[in-house]
N, C-alpha and C. Protein backbone atom coordinates (compact mmCIF):
# COMPACT_ATOMS: atom_id res chain seq x y z
N MET A 1 5.28 -20.40 24.53
CA MET A 1 6.33 -19.40 24.38
C MET A 1 6.23 -18.70 23.01
N GLN A 2 6.01 -19.48 21.94
CA GLN A 2 5.89 -18.89 20.61
C GLN A 2 4.73 -17.92 20.53
N PHE A 3 3.61 -18.27 21.21
CA PHE A 3 2.45 -17.39 21.24
C PHE A 3 2.82 -16.04 21.84
N GLN A 4 3.59 -16.05 22.92
CA GLN A 4 4.00 -14.79 23.56
C GLN A 4 4.92 -13.98 22.65
N ILE A 5 5.82 -14.65 21.98
CA ILE A 5 6.72 -13.97 21.04
C ILE A 5 5.89 -13.32 19.92
N ASP A 6 4.90 -14.06 19.40
CA ASP A 6 4.04 -13.53 18.34
C ASP A 6 3.26 -12.31 18.85
N GLN A 7 2.77 -12.37 20.08
CA GLN A 7 2.03 -11.25 20.65
C GLN A 7 2.91 -10.02 20.83
N VAL A 8 4.14 -10.22 21.28
CA VAL A 8 5.07 -9.10 21.45
C VAL A 8 5.39 -8.49 20.08
N ASP A 9 5.60 -9.33 19.07
CA ASP A 9 5.87 -8.84 17.71
C ASP A 9 4.69 -8.02 17.20
N ARG A 10 3.47 -8.50 17.43
CA ARG A 10 2.28 -7.77 16.99
C ARG A 10 2.17 -6.43 17.69
N LEU A 11 2.38 -6.42 19.00
CA LEU A 11 2.30 -5.15 19.75
C LEU A 11 3.39 -4.18 19.32
N THR A 12 4.58 -4.68 19.07
CA THR A 12 5.67 -3.83 18.59
C THR A 12 5.31 -3.21 17.26
N SER A 13 4.76 -4.01 16.36
CA SER A 13 4.34 -3.51 15.07
C SER A 13 3.22 -2.47 15.22
N LEU A 14 2.29 -2.71 16.10
CA LEU A 14 1.20 -1.78 16.36
C LEU A 14 1.73 -0.44 16.85
N VAL A 15 2.62 -0.47 17.83
CA VAL A 15 3.19 0.76 18.39
C VAL A 15 3.98 1.51 17.33
N ARG A 16 4.78 0.80 16.55
CA ARG A 16 5.57 1.44 15.49
C ARG A 16 4.65 2.15 14.49
N THR A 17 3.57 1.48 14.07
CA THR A 17 2.65 2.07 13.10
C THR A 17 1.92 3.26 13.71
N LEU A 18 1.49 3.16 14.95
CA LEU A 18 0.83 4.30 15.61
C LEU A 18 1.76 5.49 15.72
N LEU A 19 3.02 5.25 16.03
CA LEU A 19 3.99 6.35 16.10
C LEU A 19 4.19 6.98 14.72
N GLU A 20 4.27 6.14 13.69
CA GLU A 20 4.41 6.66 12.33
C GLU A 20 3.22 7.55 11.99
N MET A 21 2.01 7.10 12.33
CA MET A 21 0.80 7.86 12.01
C MET A 21 0.74 9.18 12.78
N SER A 22 1.22 9.17 14.02
CA SER A 22 1.13 10.39 14.83
C SER A 22 2.16 11.44 14.39
N ASN A 23 3.20 11.03 13.69
CA ASN A 23 4.25 11.95 13.27
C ASN A 23 4.14 12.38 11.81
N LEU A 24 3.09 11.98 11.12
CA LEU A 24 3.00 12.25 9.69
C LEU A 24 3.08 13.73 9.35
N GLN A 25 2.38 14.57 10.11
CA GLN A 25 2.32 16.00 9.79
C GLN A 25 3.69 16.66 9.87
N SER A 26 4.57 16.12 10.71
CA SER A 26 5.88 16.77 10.90
C SER A 26 6.92 16.34 9.88
N VAL A 27 6.61 15.36 9.05
CA VAL A 27 7.57 14.86 8.07
C VAL A 27 7.68 15.85 6.90
N SER A 28 8.91 16.17 6.54
CA SER A 28 9.15 17.05 5.39
C SER A 28 8.64 16.39 4.12
N ARG A 29 7.99 17.18 3.27
CA ARG A 29 7.46 16.65 2.02
C ARG A 29 8.05 17.42 0.83
N SER A 30 9.36 17.61 0.87
CA SER A 30 10.02 18.39 -0.18
C SER A 30 11.05 17.59 -0.98
N ASP A 31 11.03 16.26 -0.84
CA ASP A 31 11.97 15.42 -1.59
C ASP A 31 11.52 15.33 -3.05
N GLU A 32 12.50 15.27 -3.96
CA GLU A 32 12.19 14.95 -5.34
C GLU A 32 12.27 13.44 -5.48
N ILE A 33 11.15 12.83 -5.80
CA ILE A 33 11.04 11.37 -5.78
C ILE A 33 10.92 10.85 -7.22
N GLU A 34 11.85 10.00 -7.60
CA GLU A 34 11.75 9.28 -8.88
C GLU A 34 10.97 8.01 -8.59
N LEU A 35 9.75 7.96 -9.05
CA LEU A 35 8.84 6.90 -8.65
C LEU A 35 9.17 5.52 -9.24
N ALA A 36 9.60 5.43 -10.49
CA ALA A 36 9.89 4.12 -11.09
C ALA A 36 11.01 3.38 -10.32
N PRO A 37 12.13 4.04 -10.01
CA PRO A 37 13.15 3.35 -9.22
C PRO A 37 12.68 2.99 -7.81
N LEU A 38 11.79 3.83 -7.25
CA LEU A 38 11.25 3.54 -5.92
C LEU A 38 10.40 2.27 -5.97
N ILE A 39 9.59 2.13 -7.00
CA ILE A 39 8.78 0.92 -7.17
C ILE A 39 9.68 -0.29 -7.37
N ASP A 40 10.76 -0.16 -8.17
CA ASP A 40 11.71 -1.25 -8.34
C ASP A 40 12.28 -1.69 -6.99
N GLU A 41 12.63 -0.72 -6.16
CA GLU A 41 13.18 -1.02 -4.83
C GLU A 41 12.18 -1.78 -3.97
N ILE A 42 10.93 -1.35 -4.01
CA ILE A 42 9.88 -2.01 -3.20
C ILE A 42 9.67 -3.44 -3.69
N LEU A 43 9.61 -3.63 -4.99
CA LEU A 43 9.42 -4.98 -5.52
C LEU A 43 10.60 -5.88 -5.14
N THR A 44 11.81 -5.33 -5.16
CA THR A 44 12.97 -6.09 -4.72
C THR A 44 12.85 -6.44 -3.24
N ASP A 45 12.44 -5.47 -2.41
CA ASP A 45 12.28 -5.70 -0.98
C ASP A 45 11.22 -6.76 -0.67
N LEU A 46 10.22 -6.89 -1.55
CA LEU A 46 9.11 -7.83 -1.31
C LEU A 46 9.26 -9.14 -2.09
N THR A 47 10.38 -9.33 -2.78
CA THR A 47 10.58 -10.54 -3.59
C THR A 47 10.49 -11.80 -2.76
N THR A 48 11.09 -11.82 -1.59
CA THR A 48 11.07 -13.04 -0.76
C THR A 48 9.63 -13.42 -0.38
N LEU A 49 8.85 -12.43 0.03
CA LEU A 49 7.44 -12.68 0.37
C LEU A 49 6.69 -13.21 -0.84
N ALA A 50 6.91 -12.61 -2.00
CA ALA A 50 6.24 -13.05 -3.23
C ALA A 50 6.64 -14.46 -3.61
N GLU A 51 7.91 -14.78 -3.46
CA GLU A 51 8.40 -16.12 -3.82
C GLU A 51 7.76 -17.20 -2.94
N GLN A 52 7.47 -16.87 -1.68
CA GLN A 52 6.84 -17.85 -0.78
C GLN A 52 5.48 -18.30 -1.29
N LYS A 53 4.79 -17.43 -2.05
CA LYS A 53 3.47 -17.78 -2.60
C LYS A 53 3.51 -17.93 -4.12
N ASN A 54 4.72 -17.92 -4.67
CA ASN A 54 4.89 -18.04 -6.12
C ASN A 54 4.12 -16.96 -6.87
N ILE A 55 4.20 -15.73 -6.35
CA ILE A 55 3.55 -14.56 -6.96
C ILE A 55 4.52 -13.92 -7.94
N THR A 56 4.04 -13.61 -9.12
CA THR A 56 4.87 -12.92 -10.11
C THR A 56 4.52 -11.43 -10.15
N PHE A 57 5.52 -10.61 -10.43
CA PHE A 57 5.36 -9.17 -10.54
C PHE A 57 5.34 -8.76 -12.00
N HIS A 58 4.51 -7.76 -12.29
CA HIS A 58 4.49 -7.13 -13.62
C HIS A 58 4.47 -5.63 -13.39
N GLN A 59 5.17 -4.91 -14.25
CA GLN A 59 5.23 -3.45 -14.13
C GLN A 59 4.99 -2.79 -15.48
N ASN A 60 4.34 -1.65 -15.41
CA ASN A 60 4.21 -0.79 -16.57
C ASN A 60 4.25 0.63 -16.02
N CYS A 61 5.46 1.13 -15.80
CA CYS A 61 5.63 2.40 -15.10
C CYS A 61 6.41 3.40 -15.95
N GLU A 62 5.78 4.55 -16.19
CA GLU A 62 6.47 5.66 -16.84
C GLU A 62 7.49 6.25 -15.87
N ASP A 63 8.50 6.95 -16.41
CA ASP A 63 9.44 7.68 -15.56
C ASP A 63 8.77 8.97 -15.11
N ILE A 64 8.43 9.04 -13.83
CA ILE A 64 7.72 10.20 -13.30
C ILE A 64 8.39 10.64 -12.01
N CYS A 65 8.58 11.94 -11.85
CA CYS A 65 9.10 12.50 -10.61
C CYS A 65 7.99 13.30 -9.93
N MET A 66 7.98 13.28 -8.62
CA MET A 66 7.03 14.08 -7.86
C MET A 66 7.75 14.68 -6.65
N ILE A 67 7.13 15.66 -6.04
CA ILE A 67 7.63 16.26 -4.81
C ILE A 67 6.80 15.72 -3.66
N GLY A 68 7.47 15.26 -2.60
CA GLY A 68 6.78 14.72 -1.43
C GLY A 68 7.78 14.14 -0.47
N SER A 69 7.32 13.30 0.43
CA SER A 69 8.20 12.61 1.36
C SER A 69 8.56 11.24 0.77
N ASP A 70 9.82 11.06 0.47
CA ASP A 70 10.30 9.79 -0.08
C ASP A 70 9.94 8.64 0.87
N THR A 71 10.14 8.85 2.16
CA THR A 71 9.87 7.81 3.16
C THR A 71 8.39 7.45 3.20
N LEU A 72 7.53 8.46 3.16
CA LEU A 72 6.09 8.18 3.26
C LEU A 72 5.53 7.58 1.96
N ILE A 73 6.00 8.05 0.83
CA ILE A 73 5.53 7.48 -0.44
C ILE A 73 6.02 6.02 -0.56
N TYR A 74 7.22 5.75 -0.10
CA TYR A 74 7.71 4.35 -0.04
C TYR A 74 6.74 3.52 0.79
N ARG A 75 6.37 4.01 1.99
CA ARG A 75 5.48 3.27 2.90
C ARG A 75 4.11 3.05 2.25
N LEU A 76 3.56 4.07 1.60
CA LEU A 76 2.27 3.96 0.94
C LEU A 76 2.29 2.82 -0.09
N LEU A 77 3.29 2.86 -0.99
CA LEU A 77 3.39 1.86 -2.04
C LEU A 77 3.73 0.48 -1.49
N PHE A 78 4.63 0.44 -0.52
CA PHE A 78 5.01 -0.83 0.10
C PHE A 78 3.79 -1.51 0.70
N ASN A 79 2.99 -0.76 1.48
CA ASN A 79 1.81 -1.35 2.12
C ASN A 79 0.82 -1.92 1.08
N LEU A 80 0.58 -1.15 0.01
CA LEU A 80 -0.36 -1.63 -1.01
C LEU A 80 0.17 -2.87 -1.73
N ILE A 81 1.44 -2.86 -2.08
CA ILE A 81 2.01 -4.02 -2.80
C ILE A 81 2.12 -5.22 -1.89
N GLU A 82 2.50 -5.00 -0.63
CA GLU A 82 2.57 -6.11 0.33
C GLU A 82 1.20 -6.76 0.51
N ASN A 83 0.15 -5.94 0.64
CA ASN A 83 -1.21 -6.49 0.76
C ASN A 83 -1.60 -7.26 -0.50
N ALA A 84 -1.20 -6.75 -1.66
CA ALA A 84 -1.53 -7.44 -2.92
C ALA A 84 -0.89 -8.83 -2.96
N ILE A 85 0.24 -8.98 -2.30
CA ILE A 85 0.90 -10.29 -2.21
C ILE A 85 0.19 -11.14 -1.16
N LYS A 86 0.04 -10.60 0.04
CA LYS A 86 -0.52 -11.35 1.17
C LYS A 86 -1.93 -11.88 0.90
N TYR A 87 -2.75 -11.08 0.23
CA TYR A 87 -4.15 -11.47 0.03
C TYR A 87 -4.39 -12.00 -1.38
N ASN A 88 -3.34 -12.57 -1.95
CA ASN A 88 -3.39 -13.12 -3.30
C ASN A 88 -3.45 -14.64 -3.21
N HIS A 89 -3.78 -15.27 -4.32
CA HIS A 89 -3.74 -16.74 -4.41
C HIS A 89 -2.32 -17.18 -4.70
N ALA A 90 -1.95 -18.36 -4.23
CA ALA A 90 -0.65 -18.93 -4.59
C ALA A 90 -0.60 -19.04 -6.12
N GLY A 91 0.53 -18.62 -6.68
CA GLY A 91 0.68 -18.65 -8.13
C GLY A 91 0.05 -17.46 -8.84
N GLY A 92 -0.42 -16.48 -8.09
CA GLY A 92 -1.06 -15.31 -8.66
C GLY A 92 -0.04 -14.28 -9.13
N SER A 93 -0.53 -13.07 -9.39
CA SER A 93 0.35 -12.01 -9.86
C SER A 93 -0.06 -10.67 -9.25
N VAL A 94 0.90 -9.76 -9.25
CA VAL A 94 0.70 -8.38 -8.83
C VAL A 94 1.22 -7.50 -9.95
N THR A 95 0.38 -6.55 -10.39
CA THR A 95 0.77 -5.64 -11.45
C THR A 95 0.76 -4.22 -10.91
N VAL A 96 1.85 -3.52 -11.14
CA VAL A 96 1.97 -2.11 -10.74
C VAL A 96 2.11 -1.30 -12.02
N SER A 97 1.21 -0.34 -12.19
CA SER A 97 1.30 0.54 -13.34
C SER A 97 1.23 1.98 -12.88
N MET A 98 1.87 2.85 -13.67
CA MET A 98 1.95 4.25 -13.28
C MET A 98 2.01 5.10 -14.54
N GLN A 99 1.23 6.18 -14.52
CA GLN A 99 1.26 7.10 -15.64
C GLN A 99 0.98 8.51 -15.13
N GLN A 100 1.39 9.48 -15.92
CA GLN A 100 1.11 10.86 -15.59
C GLN A 100 -0.18 11.27 -16.27
N GLU A 101 -1.03 11.95 -15.52
CA GLU A 101 -2.30 12.42 -16.05
C GLU A 101 -2.47 13.86 -15.58
N ASN A 102 -2.38 14.82 -16.50
CA ASN A 102 -2.36 16.24 -16.15
C ASN A 102 -1.21 16.50 -15.20
N HIS A 103 -1.47 17.06 -14.03
CA HIS A 103 -0.39 17.33 -13.07
C HIS A 103 -0.41 16.33 -11.93
N GLN A 104 -0.84 15.11 -12.23
CA GLN A 104 -0.94 14.07 -11.22
C GLN A 104 -0.26 12.79 -11.72
N VAL A 105 0.14 11.99 -10.73
CA VAL A 105 0.58 10.63 -11.04
C VAL A 105 -0.59 9.71 -10.66
N LEU A 106 -0.90 8.79 -11.55
CA LEU A 106 -1.95 7.81 -11.32
C LEU A 106 -1.29 6.44 -11.22
N LEU A 107 -1.42 5.81 -10.07
CA LEU A 107 -0.82 4.50 -9.82
C LEU A 107 -1.94 3.48 -9.66
N HIS A 108 -1.72 2.30 -10.21
CA HIS A 108 -2.63 1.19 -10.02
C HIS A 108 -1.84 0.00 -9.48
N ILE A 109 -2.34 -0.61 -8.43
CA ILE A 109 -1.77 -1.84 -7.88
C ILE A 109 -2.87 -2.88 -7.98
N ALA A 110 -2.68 -3.88 -8.83
CA ALA A 110 -3.70 -4.90 -9.09
C ALA A 110 -3.18 -6.27 -8.67
N ASP A 111 -4.06 -7.07 -8.08
CA ASP A 111 -3.70 -8.44 -7.71
C ASP A 111 -4.71 -9.41 -8.30
N THR A 112 -4.43 -10.68 -8.16
CA THR A 112 -5.33 -11.73 -8.64
C THR A 112 -5.93 -12.49 -7.45
N GLY A 113 -6.10 -11.79 -6.35
CA GLY A 113 -6.63 -12.40 -5.11
C GLY A 113 -8.13 -12.58 -5.14
N CYS A 114 -8.69 -12.79 -3.95
CA CYS A 114 -10.10 -13.15 -3.82
C CYS A 114 -11.06 -11.97 -3.87
N GLY A 115 -10.54 -10.75 -3.87
CA GLY A 115 -11.40 -9.57 -3.96
C GLY A 115 -11.87 -9.07 -2.61
N ILE A 116 -12.47 -7.88 -2.64
CA ILE A 116 -12.99 -7.23 -1.44
C ILE A 116 -14.46 -6.93 -1.70
N SER A 117 -15.30 -7.39 -0.82
CA SER A 117 -16.74 -7.15 -0.93
C SER A 117 -17.03 -5.67 -1.02
N GLU A 118 -18.01 -5.30 -1.83
CA GLU A 118 -18.34 -3.89 -2.01
C GLU A 118 -18.66 -3.21 -0.68
N GLU A 119 -19.28 -3.93 0.24
CA GLU A 119 -19.66 -3.35 1.52
C GLU A 119 -18.46 -2.92 2.38
N TYR A 120 -17.28 -3.46 2.08
CA TYR A 120 -16.08 -3.16 2.88
C TYR A 120 -15.10 -2.21 2.19
N ARG A 121 -15.36 -1.79 0.99
CA ARG A 121 -14.36 -1.05 0.19
C ARG A 121 -14.00 0.31 0.75
N GLU A 122 -14.85 0.90 1.58
CA GLU A 122 -14.48 2.15 2.27
C GLU A 122 -13.96 1.83 3.66
N SER A 123 -14.54 0.86 4.32
CA SER A 123 -14.18 0.52 5.71
C SER A 123 -12.73 0.06 5.84
N ILE A 124 -12.18 -0.56 4.79
CA ILE A 124 -10.81 -1.08 4.90
C ILE A 124 -9.79 0.01 5.16
N PHE A 125 -10.14 1.28 4.91
CA PHE A 125 -9.22 2.37 5.16
C PHE A 125 -9.34 2.94 6.58
N GLN A 126 -10.23 2.36 7.39
CA GLN A 126 -10.41 2.81 8.77
C GLN A 126 -9.40 2.07 9.67
N PRO A 127 -8.82 2.78 10.65
CA PRO A 127 -7.88 2.11 11.55
C PRO A 127 -8.52 0.91 12.24
N PHE A 128 -7.77 -0.17 12.31
CA PHE A 128 -8.10 -1.42 13.00
C PHE A 128 -9.19 -2.25 12.32
N PHE A 129 -9.70 -1.81 11.16
CA PHE A 129 -10.73 -2.58 10.47
C PHE A 129 -10.08 -3.76 9.76
N ARG A 130 -10.70 -4.91 9.85
CA ARG A 130 -10.26 -6.10 9.14
C ARG A 130 -11.47 -6.79 8.54
N VAL A 131 -11.37 -7.19 7.30
CA VAL A 131 -12.47 -7.91 6.66
C VAL A 131 -12.60 -9.28 7.31
N ASP A 132 -11.50 -9.99 7.44
CA ASP A 132 -11.49 -11.33 8.04
C ASP A 132 -10.47 -11.30 9.18
N LYS A 133 -10.98 -11.14 10.40
CA LYS A 133 -10.11 -10.95 11.55
C LYS A 133 -9.14 -12.11 11.77
N SER A 134 -9.60 -13.33 11.60
CA SER A 134 -8.72 -14.47 11.86
C SER A 134 -7.62 -14.57 10.81
N ARG A 135 -7.95 -14.33 9.53
CA ARG A 135 -6.95 -14.43 8.47
C ARG A 135 -5.92 -13.32 8.61
N SER A 136 -6.36 -12.11 8.92
CA SER A 136 -5.45 -10.98 9.06
C SER A 136 -4.46 -11.22 10.20
N ARG A 137 -4.96 -11.78 11.28
CA ARG A 137 -4.09 -12.04 12.43
C ARG A 137 -3.01 -13.05 12.05
N GLN A 138 -3.38 -14.07 11.30
CA GLN A 138 -2.41 -15.08 10.88
C GLN A 138 -1.33 -14.45 10.00
N MET A 139 -1.69 -13.41 9.27
CA MET A 139 -0.74 -12.77 8.36
C MET A 139 0.05 -11.66 9.03
N GLY A 140 -0.16 -11.46 10.31
CA GLY A 140 0.67 -10.53 11.06
C GLY A 140 0.23 -9.07 11.02
N GLY A 141 -0.90 -8.78 10.42
CA GLY A 141 -1.33 -7.39 10.33
C GLY A 141 -1.94 -6.88 11.63
N VAL A 142 -1.94 -5.56 11.79
CA VAL A 142 -2.57 -4.96 12.97
C VAL A 142 -3.77 -4.11 12.58
N GLY A 143 -4.13 -4.09 11.31
CA GLY A 143 -5.29 -3.35 10.86
C GLY A 143 -5.05 -1.87 10.65
N LEU A 144 -3.80 -1.48 10.43
CA LEU A 144 -3.49 -0.07 10.24
C LEU A 144 -2.84 0.26 8.89
N GLY A 145 -2.48 -0.76 8.13
CA GLY A 145 -1.74 -0.53 6.89
C GLY A 145 -2.46 0.35 5.89
N LEU A 146 -3.74 0.06 5.64
CA LEU A 146 -4.48 0.86 4.66
C LEU A 146 -4.90 2.21 5.23
N ALA A 147 -5.09 2.29 6.55
CA ALA A 147 -5.37 3.60 7.17
C ALA A 147 -4.16 4.51 6.99
N LEU A 148 -2.98 3.94 7.15
CA LEU A 148 -1.74 4.70 6.96
C LEU A 148 -1.60 5.12 5.49
N VAL A 149 -1.93 4.23 4.57
CA VAL A 149 -1.89 4.54 3.13
C VAL A 149 -2.77 5.76 2.84
N ARG A 150 -4.00 5.73 3.34
CA ARG A 150 -4.92 6.85 3.07
C ARG A 150 -4.39 8.14 3.68
N GLU A 151 -3.89 8.09 4.91
CA GLU A 151 -3.36 9.30 5.57
C GLU A 151 -2.20 9.90 4.77
N ILE A 152 -1.32 9.05 4.27
CA ILE A 152 -0.18 9.51 3.49
C ILE A 152 -0.66 10.14 2.18
N ALA A 153 -1.60 9.50 1.52
CA ALA A 153 -2.12 10.05 0.26
C ALA A 153 -2.75 11.43 0.50
N VAL A 154 -3.60 11.54 1.52
CA VAL A 154 -4.28 12.82 1.83
C VAL A 154 -3.25 13.88 2.22
N LEU A 155 -2.25 13.50 3.00
CA LEU A 155 -1.22 14.44 3.42
C LEU A 155 -0.48 15.02 2.20
N HIS A 156 -0.37 14.26 1.15
CA HIS A 156 0.28 14.72 -0.09
C HIS A 156 -0.72 15.37 -1.06
N GLY A 157 -1.97 15.56 -0.63
CA GLY A 157 -2.97 16.17 -1.49
C GLY A 157 -3.58 15.21 -2.47
N GLY A 158 -3.47 13.91 -2.20
CA GLY A 158 -3.96 12.90 -3.13
C GLY A 158 -5.08 12.06 -2.55
N SER A 159 -5.30 10.91 -3.17
CA SER A 159 -6.39 10.02 -2.74
C SER A 159 -6.02 8.58 -3.07
N VAL A 160 -6.72 7.66 -2.43
CA VAL A 160 -6.58 6.23 -2.71
C VAL A 160 -7.96 5.61 -2.60
N CYS A 161 -8.23 4.65 -3.48
CA CYS A 161 -9.53 3.96 -3.43
C CYS A 161 -9.39 2.57 -4.04
N VAL A 162 -10.40 1.75 -3.78
CA VAL A 162 -10.52 0.47 -4.47
C VAL A 162 -11.22 0.80 -5.78
N GLU A 163 -10.48 0.69 -6.88
CA GLU A 163 -11.05 1.03 -8.19
C GLU A 163 -11.98 -0.06 -8.70
N SER A 164 -11.55 -1.31 -8.48
CA SER A 164 -12.39 -2.44 -8.88
C SER A 164 -12.01 -3.65 -8.03
N SER A 165 -12.95 -4.55 -7.87
CA SER A 165 -12.68 -5.77 -7.11
C SER A 165 -13.73 -6.82 -7.46
N SER A 166 -13.25 -8.04 -7.62
CA SER A 166 -14.12 -9.19 -7.87
C SER A 166 -13.38 -10.42 -7.34
N GLU A 167 -13.98 -11.58 -7.55
CA GLU A 167 -13.30 -12.81 -7.10
C GLU A 167 -12.06 -13.10 -7.92
N GLU A 168 -11.79 -12.29 -8.94
CA GLU A 168 -10.58 -12.46 -9.77
C GLU A 168 -9.48 -11.48 -9.41
N GLY A 169 -9.74 -10.62 -8.42
CA GLY A 169 -8.68 -9.71 -7.99
C GLY A 169 -9.19 -8.32 -7.66
N THR A 170 -8.28 -7.50 -7.15
CA THR A 170 -8.59 -6.14 -6.70
C THR A 170 -7.57 -5.18 -7.31
N THR A 171 -8.05 -4.00 -7.66
CA THR A 171 -7.17 -2.94 -8.14
C THR A 171 -7.38 -1.70 -7.27
N PHE A 172 -6.29 -1.25 -6.67
CA PHE A 172 -6.27 0.00 -5.92
C PHE A 172 -5.76 1.09 -6.85
N ALA A 173 -6.37 2.28 -6.77
CA ALA A 173 -5.92 3.43 -7.55
C ALA A 173 -5.45 4.51 -6.59
N VAL A 174 -4.27 5.06 -6.85
CA VAL A 174 -3.72 6.16 -6.05
C VAL A 174 -3.49 7.33 -6.98
N ARG A 175 -3.97 8.50 -6.59
CA ARG A 175 -3.71 9.74 -7.32
C ARG A 175 -2.92 10.67 -6.41
N LEU A 176 -1.80 11.17 -6.93
CA LEU A 176 -0.95 12.09 -6.17
C LEU A 176 -0.54 13.25 -7.07
N PRO A 177 -0.62 14.48 -6.56
CA PRO A 177 -0.14 15.60 -7.37
C PRO A 177 1.36 15.56 -7.51
N LEU A 178 1.86 15.96 -8.67
CA LEU A 178 3.30 15.92 -8.91
C LEU A 178 4.07 16.92 -8.05
N ASN A 179 3.43 18.04 -7.74
CA ASN A 179 4.12 19.09 -6.99
C ASN A 179 3.85 19.07 -5.49
N GLY A 180 3.20 18.02 -5.00
CA GLY A 180 2.95 17.91 -3.57
C GLY A 180 1.81 18.76 -3.06
N GLU A 181 1.09 19.41 -3.96
CA GLU A 181 -0.04 20.25 -3.57
C GLU A 181 -1.31 19.71 -4.22
N LYS A 182 -2.43 19.98 -3.59
CA LYS A 182 -3.72 19.52 -4.14
C LYS A 182 -3.95 20.09 -5.53
N THR A 183 -4.43 19.22 -6.40
CA THR A 183 -4.83 19.65 -7.73
C THR A 183 -6.27 19.22 -7.96
N GLU A 184 -6.92 19.86 -8.88
CA GLU A 184 -8.32 19.51 -9.17
C GLU A 184 -8.35 18.39 -10.19
């Protein structure tokens, strides 16, 4: 019975994420977003998950406002921070830093997890891709979280990448224009 409940939960999550991805273009991107309070909210929302693995949070975030979709930027950051917790070692840490660089916001989400092999650093942004299929399934993922992150970043004229990764942790870098339009 529990197996069936888990399967229904996974399918529900999959359908919800697919619907979110299919509706991205229609979402208004004209909200004024104060990013530091948004990050505080996400860290608060993920505190219970972090406490289960004794993960500590660290922040170094400037006060920065941008134009975009509050809902989508929340989802982008939530997915990255949630992954930093899920794929971390017990007793590890997650650091979120943010600064303004020219007309862009540069965000870094760093963890102390096991790292991502160089061969997978682009593939992880593809829908349904999983580095370790059995581990991801145990953690409840459907393989769409990072694909959604990339779509949201691109939709806002930005980018996301694995900036660095080793057996001591991974750092994701997100660049987003402050005005919601592509910048060079």
